[in-house]
C-alpha atoms as a PDB file:
ATOM      1  CA  MET A   1    -141.041 -47.096  22.824  1.00  0.00           C
ATOM      2  CA  THR A   2    -138.827 -44.075  22.374  1.00  0.00           C
ATOM      3  CA  LYS A   3    -135.057 -44.297  22.473  1.00  0.00           C
ATOM      4  CA  ASN A   4    -133.502 -43.125  25.721  1.00  0.00           C
ATOM      5  CA  VAL A   5    -130.016 -44.639  25.383  1.00  0.00           C
ATOM      6  CA  GLY A   6    -127.327 -42.779  23.451  1.00  0.00           C
ATOM      7  CA  GLU A   7    -124.956 -44.329  20.930  1.00  0.00           C
ATOM      8  CA  LEU A   8    -121.911 -44.605  23.225  1.00  0.00           C
ATOM      9  CA  ASP A   9    -124.067 -45.882  26.073  1.00  0.00           C
ATOM     10  CA  ALA A  10    -125.558 -48.516  23.743  1.00  0.00           C
ATOM     11  CA  TYR A  11    -122.112 -49.730  22.657  1.00  0.00           C
ATOM     12  CA  LEU A  12    -121.002 -49.985  26.288  1.00  0.00           C
ATOM     13  CA  ARG A  13    -124.161 -51.899  27.224  1.00  0.00           C
ATOM     14  CA  ILE A  14    -123.664 -54.349  24.362  1.00  0.00           C
ATOM     15  CA  THR A  15    -119.986 -54.877  25.239  1.00  0.00           C
ATOM     16  CA  GLY A  16    -120.626 -55.286  28.951  1.00  0.00           C
ATOM     17  CA  GLY A  17    -123.657 -57.455  28.307  1.00  0.00           C
ATOM     18  CA  LEU A  18    -121.769 -59.828  26.053  1.00  0.00           C
ATOM     19  CA  THR A  19    -119.024 -60.062  28.671  1.00  0.00           C
ATOM     20  CA  LEU A  20    -121.528 -60.862  31.423  1.00  0.00           C
ATOM     21  CA  LEU A  21    -123.314 -63.298  29.136  1.00  0.00           C
ATOM     22  CA  GLY A  22    -120.075 -65.162  28.445  1.00  0.00           C
ATOM     23  CA  ILE A  23    -119.091 -65.253  32.111  1.00  0.00           C
ATOM     24  CA  GLY A  24    -122.574 -66.430  33.041  1.00  0.00           C
ATOM     25  CA  ILE A  25    -122.496 -69.253  30.501  1.00  0.00           C
ATOM     26  CA  ILE A  26    -119.018 -70.389  31.525  1.00  0.00           C
ATOM     27  CA  SER A  27    -119.833 -70.342  35.247  1.00  0.00           C
ATOM     28  CA  SER A  28    -123.394 -71.705  34.763  1.00  0.00           C
ATOM     29  CA  SER A  29    -124.839 -68.651  36.525  1.00  0.00           C
ATOM     30  CA  LYS A  30    -128.436 -68.006  35.537  1.00  0.00           C
ATOM     31  CA  PHE A  31    -128.329 -64.554  37.133  1.00  0.00           C
ATOM     32  CA  LEU A  32    -125.275 -63.343  35.159  1.00  0.00           C
ATOM     33  CA  THR A  33    -126.640 -64.877  31.963  1.00  0.00           C
ATOM     34  CA  PHE A  34    -129.968 -63.092  32.460  1.00  0.00           C
ATOM     35  CA  LEU A  35    -128.302 -59.783  33.382  1.00  0.00           C
ATOM     36  CA  GLY A  36    -125.981 -59.970  30.382  1.00  0.00           C
ATOM     37  CA  SER A  37    -128.815 -60.720  27.981  1.00  0.00           C
ATOM     38  CA  MET A  38    -130.839 -57.807  29.367  1.00  0.00           C
ATOM     39  CA  LYS A  39    -127.920 -55.405  28.844  1.00  0.00           C
ATOM     40  CA  VAL A  40    -127.416 -56.621  25.272  1.00  0.00           C
ATOM     41  CA  ALA A  41    -131.141 -56.142  24.593  1.00  0.00           C
ATOM     42  CA  GLU A  42    -131.030 -52.622  26.041  1.00  0.00           C
ATOM     43  CA  GLY A  43    -128.057 -51.748  23.860  1.00  0.00           C
ATOM     44  CA  VAL A  44    -129.606 -53.128  20.674  1.00  0.00           C
ATOM     45  CA  THR A  45    -133.034 -51.526  21.205  1.00  0.00           C
ATOM     46  CA  ARG A  46    -131.507 -48.365  22.730  1.00  0.00           C
ATOM     47  CA  TYR A  47    -134.218 -48.392  25.389  1.00  0.00           C
ATOM     48  CA  CYS A  48    -133.629 -48.761  29.115  1.00  0.00           C
ATOM     49  CA  PRO A  49    -136.694 -49.318  31.321  1.00  0.00           C
ATOM     50  CA  MET A  50    -134.880 -47.971  34.390  1.00  0.00           C
ATOM     51  CA  TYR A  51    -134.005 -44.729  32.592  1.00  0.00           C
ATOM     52  CA  HIS A  52    -137.678 -44.482  31.606  1.00  0.00           C
ATOM     53  CA  LEU A  53    -138.867 -44.915  35.215  1.00  0.00           C
ATOM     54  CA  LEU A  54    -136.357 -42.313  36.444  1.00  0.00           C
ATOM     55  CA  GLY A  55    -137.147 -39.867  33.620  1.00  0.00           C
ATOM     56  CA  MET A  56    -133.544 -39.874  32.392  1.00  0.00           C
ATOM     57  CA  ASP A  57    -131.808 -40.445  29.086  1.00  0.00           C
ATOM     58  CA  SER A  58    -128.262 -40.520  27.755  1.00  0.00           C
ATOM     59  CA  LEU A  59    -129.020 -39.066  24.333  1.00  0.00           C
ATOM     60  CA  ASP A  60    -127.457 -35.700  25.220  1.00  0.00           C
ATOM     61  CA  TRP A  61    -124.122 -37.427  25.899  1.00  0.00           C
ATOM     62  CA  ASP A  62    -123.731 -37.937  22.146  1.00  0.00           C
ATOM     63  CA  LEU A  63    -124.104 -34.202  21.527  1.00  0.00           C
ATOM     64  CA  LYS A  64    -121.588 -33.330  24.248  1.00  0.00           C
ATOM     65  CA  LEU A  65    -119.052 -35.789  22.831  1.00  0.00           C
ATOM     66  CA  LYS A  66    -119.466 -34.453  19.300  1.00  0.00           C
ATOM     67  CA  LYS A  67    -118.888 -30.896  20.520  1.00  0.00           C
ATOM     68  CA  ALA A  68    -115.736 -31.969  22.373  1.00  0.00           C
ATOM     69  CA  ASP A  69    -114.307 -33.846  19.357  1.00  0.00           C
ATOM     70  CA  PRO A  70    -111.309 -31.810  18.114  1.00  0.00           C
ATOM     71  CA  GLU A  71    -111.476 -33.394  14.643  1.00  0.00           C
ATOM     72  CA  GLU A  72    -114.922 -31.927  14.060  1.00  0.00           C
ATOM     73  CA  ALA A  73    -114.011 -28.458  15.365  1.00  0.00           C
ATOM     74  CA  GLU A  74    -113.706 -25.870  12.623  1.00  0.00           C
ATOM     75  CA  ILE A  75    -110.396 -24.039  12.393  1.00  0.00           C
ATOM     76  CA  PRO A  76    -110.764 -20.532  10.953  1.00  0.00           C
ATOM     77  CA  ASP A  77    -108.582 -19.734   7.959  1.00  0.00           C
ATOM     78  CA  ASN A  78    -106.631 -16.537   8.718  1.00  0.00           C
ATOM     79  CA  ALA A  79    -104.461 -16.575   5.623  1.00  0.00           C
END
């Protein structure tokens, strides 16, 4: 199994999954509990079966975010 979920996407899946898991447990909804646990598992393993079937990944999002980060941009010294 190769990773096809980027770091930010994994964090969002874990956060959303834990939220759905909590709501599912409180409301006794088997569907929400199952959906939440699947999203947490996808975030932890960084593998999404649906992305695999569609031939997609979110790994390039991490590179785009790092390039757009102003703290990591080099400022030339013109002194």
